[in-house]
C-alpha cells in the first residue's frame, strides 16, 4: 500500500510541475493585431482619445500649470502647502517635477492615441462618412495636444504618424 501511495504521490508531484498557469492573457486589453478591424474598433479608438483627456495626468493639475505660471491665478494657501505649485509660480521647477513630467507624458500619450487612429482607421472597411468624421476628430485632438504642449513647453517634437523605425526619441530642434 505504501508503494502505491508513493507512486501516486510521485506522479502527482512530477505531473504538477508545469508553470503554464503563470502565463495568463490580459483580459482588459485587445492585442494590437486583433484591433482596427471593424467600425466598432475605430469608434473605440477615438473614444480612447477622449477618455485620455480625463486622465489624471491631464486633468488633475494641468490647468493649474498654465494658470499659476501666468497672471491668471495665484497659488494661494500657505507656503508649505503644495510646494510644487510655488515652484511653478516662481519658475523654479525642474523637468523632473512630477506634475510637469505627468503633463508631458499625458499629452504625448494622447498624441500616440491619435496617431494610431489616424494611421489605422483608413484601412478599415466601414461607412465612409463615419470614417471621415473619426479621422477628423482624431486630427483635431492631436492638434489640441500639440497646442497644449507648445503653449507649455515651447517647441516640441512633432509626430504626424507612427514612425516606421519605431523611434519615438526625437530630439528637440532649435531653429
Protein backbone atom coordinates (compact mmCIF):
# COMPACT_ATOMS: atom_id res chain seq x y z
CA UNK A 1 0.00 0.00 0.00
CA UNK A 2 2.89 2.34 0.79
CA UNK A 3 4.37 1.68 -2.65
CA UNK A 4 1.10 2.57 -4.37
CA UNK A 5 0.76 5.71 -2.28
CA UNK A 6 4.38 6.63 -3.01
CA UNK A 7 3.93 6.07 -6.78
CA UNK A 8 0.68 8.06 -6.78
CA UNK A 9 2.32 10.94 -4.86
CA UNK A 10 5.35 10.86 -7.17
CA UNK A 11 3.17 11.02 -10.28
CA UNK A 12 1.17 13.89 -8.79
CA UNK A 13 4.30 15.85 -7.85
CA UNK A 14 6.06 15.29 -11.16
CA UNK A 15 2.93 15.94 -13.18
CA UNK A 16 2.16 19.18 -11.36
CA UNK A 17 5.47 20.87 -12.14
CA UNK A 18 4.02 22.73 -15.07
CA UNK A 19 4.09 26.50 -14.65
CA UNK A 20 1.97 27.45 -17.64
CA UNK A 21 -0.65 28.74 -15.22
CA UNK A 22 1.65 31.74 -14.80
CA UNK A 23 1.19 32.67 -18.47
CA UNK A 24 -2.14 34.44 -18.39
CA UNK A 25 -3.53 36.73 -21.02
CA UNK A 26 -4.73 40.20 -20.10
CA UNK A 27 -8.48 40.28 -20.04
CA UNK A 28 -8.70 44.08 -20.19
CA UNK A 29 -6.69 44.52 -23.40
CA UNK A 30 -7.05 43.57 -27.03
CA UNK A 31 -3.89 42.52 -28.88
CA UNK A 32 -2.86 45.11 -31.49
CA UNK A 33 -3.11 42.53 -34.27
CA UNK A 34 -6.78 41.95 -33.46
CA UNK A 35 -7.71 45.64 -33.28
CA UNK A 36 -8.62 48.13 -36.04
CA UNK A 37 -10.68 45.53 -37.93
CA UNK A 38 -14.23 46.87 -37.57
CA UNK A 39 -16.03 50.18 -37.35
CA UNK A 40 -16.61 49.50 -33.65
CA UNK A 41 -12.82 49.32 -33.23
CA UNK A 42 -12.46 52.67 -35.00
CA UNK A 43 -15.04 54.29 -32.73
CA UNK A 44 -13.41 52.72 -29.67
CA UNK A 45 -10.00 54.08 -30.68
CA UNK A 46 -11.32 57.65 -30.95
CA UNK A 47 -13.25 57.21 -27.70
CA UNK A 48 -9.95 56.25 -26.05
CA UNK A 49 -8.51 59.60 -27.14
CA UNK A 50 -11.41 61.41 -25.47
CA UNK A 51 -11.04 59.24 -22.35
CA UNK A 52 -7.38 60.23 -22.11
CA UNK A 53 -8.46 63.87 -21.80
CA UNK A 54 -9.99 62.92 -18.44
CA UNK A 55 -6.91 61.06 -17.20
CA UNK A 56 -5.13 62.11 -14.03
CA UNK A 57 -2.08 63.30 -15.97
CA UNK A 58 -4.10 65.78 -18.00
CA UNK A 59 -6.99 66.67 -15.76
CA UNK A 60 -5.77 66.84 -12.17
CA UNK A 61 -3.18 69.62 -12.11
CA UNK A 62 -2.82 70.50 -15.79
CA UNK A 63 -4.98 73.65 -15.74
CA UNK A 64 -3.00 74.89 -12.76
CA UNK A 65 0.32 74.55 -14.59
CA UNK A 66 -0.80 77.08 -17.16
CA UNK A 67 -2.78 79.42 -14.93
CA UNK A 68 -0.38 79.58 -11.95
CA UNK A 69 2.61 80.23 -14.21
CA UNK A 70 0.74 83.19 -15.72
CA UNK A 71 -1.12 86.07 -14.11
CA UNK A 72 -4.42 84.23 -14.42
CA UNK A 73 -4.25 82.65 -10.95
CA UNK A 74 -2.31 82.72 -7.70
CA UNK A 75 -1.24 79.64 -5.80
CA UNK A 76 -2.78 80.90 -2.58
CA UNK A 77 -2.79 78.94 0.68
CA UNK A 78 0.31 78.65 2.85
CA UNK A 79 3.85 78.48 1.53
CA UNK A 80 4.38 74.85 2.54
CA UNK A 81 1.09 73.63 1.10
CA UNK A 82 1.64 72.01 -2.31
CA UNK A 83 5.10 73.50 -2.64
CA UNK A 84 5.36 72.26 -6.21
CA UNK A 85 2.83 74.97 -7.13
CA UNK A 86 5.18 77.56 -5.62
CA UNK A 87 7.93 76.18 -7.84
CA UNK A 88 5.68 76.65 -10.86
CA UNK A 89 4.62 80.14 -9.75
CA UNK A 90 8.26 81.17 -9.28
CA UNK A 91 9.51 79.35 -12.41
CA UNK A 92 11.94 77.31 -10.29
CA UNK A 93 10.63 73.85 -11.19
CA UNK A 94 12.83 71.25 -12.82
CA UNK A 95 11.99 68.82 -15.64
CA UNK A 96 11.85 66.02 -13.08
CA UNK A 97 8.96 67.65 -11.20
CA UNK A 98 6.20 65.07 -11.20
CA UNK A 99 3.47 67.48 -12.24
CA UNK A 100 5.44 68.67 -15.28
CA UNK A 101 6.52 65.14 -16.22
CA UNK A 102 2.95 63.80 -15.89
CA UNK A 103 1.58 66.57 -18.08
CA UNK A 104 4.23 65.92 -20.76
CA UNK A 105 3.57 62.16 -20.71
CA UNK A 106 -0.21 62.59 -20.75
CA UNK A 107 -0.11 64.91 -23.75
CA UNK A 108 2.21 62.63 -25.73
CA UNK A 109 0.13 59.59 -24.77
CA UNK A 110 -2.78 61.44 -26.39
CA UNK A 111 -0.65 62.16 -29.47
CA UNK A 112 0.16 58.45 -29.70
CA UNK A 113 -3.52 57.50 -29.45
CA UNK A 114 -4.46 59.99 -32.15
CA UNK A 115 -1.67 58.84 -34.46
CA UNK A 116 -2.76 55.22 -34.08
CA UNK A 117 -6.32 56.16 -35.04
CA UNK A 118 -5.27 58.39 -37.95
CA UNK A 119 -2.93 55.72 -39.30
CA UNK A 120 -5.15 52.65 -38.88
CA UNK A 121 -8.74 53.81 -39.43
CA UNK A 122 -8.31 54.38 -43.20
CA UNK A 123 -7.64 50.64 -43.65
CA UNK A 124 -10.98 49.62 -42.11
CA UNK A 125 -13.90 48.80 -44.39
CA UNK A 126 -16.72 50.89 -42.94
CA UNK A 127 -19.13 53.72 -43.64
CA UNK A 128 -17.08 56.46 -45.35
CA UNK A 129 -18.87 59.32 -43.58
CA UNK A 130 -18.13 57.79 -40.19
CA UNK A 131 -14.53 57.07 -41.21
CA UNK A 132 -14.02 60.68 -42.33
CA UNK A 133 -15.57 62.02 -39.12
CA UNK A 134 -13.43 59.82 -36.85
CA UNK A 135 -10.21 60.73 -38.64
CA UNK A 136 -11.13 64.43 -38.47
CA UNK A 137 -11.83 64.16 -34.74
CA UNK A 138 -8.51 62.41 -34.17
CA UNK A 139 -6.66 65.09 -36.16
CA UNK A 140 -8.35 67.86 -34.18
CA UNK A 141 -7.49 66.19 -30.88
CA UNK A 142 -3.87 65.72 -31.99
CA UNK A 143 -3.74 69.43 -32.78
CA UNK A 144 -5.16 70.20 -29.35
CA UNK A 145 -2.49 68.07 -27.67
CA UNK A 146 0.24 69.81 -29.64
CA UNK A 147 -1.27 73.22 -28.85
CA UNK A 148 -1.12 72.41 -25.13
CA UNK A 149 2.44 71.12 -25.44
CA UNK A 150 3.71 74.14 -27.36
CA UNK A 151 1.90 76.54 -25.05
CA UNK A 152 3.54 74.90 -22.04
CA UNK A 153 6.98 73.84 -23.29
CA UNK A 154 7.69 75.81 -26.47
CA UNK A 155 8.86 73.81 -29.48
CA UNK A 156 8.27 70.06 -29.16
CA UNK A 157 8.98 67.06 -31.41
CA UNK A 158 6.20 66.55 -33.94
CA UNK A 159 4.91 63.05 -34.70
CA UNK A 160 2.46 63.15 -37.59
CA UNK A 161 2.14 59.39 -37.79
CA UNK A 162 3.58 56.20 -36.39
CA UNK A 163 7.36 56.11 -37.05
CA UNK A 164 8.27 53.17 -39.31
CA UNK A 165 11.50 52.67 -37.36
CA UNK A 166 9.62 52.77 -34.01
CA UNK A 167 11.95 55.59 -32.87
CA UNK A 168 9.93 57.92 -30.69
CA UNK A 169 13.02 59.56 -29.19
CA UNK A 170 13.27 62.58 -31.46
CA UNK A 171 15.36 65.42 -30.04
CA UNK A 172 14.05 68.95 -29.92
CA UNK A 173 15.27 71.00 -32.88
CA UNK A 174 16.12 74.64 -32.42
CA UNK A 175 15.65 76.99 -35.36
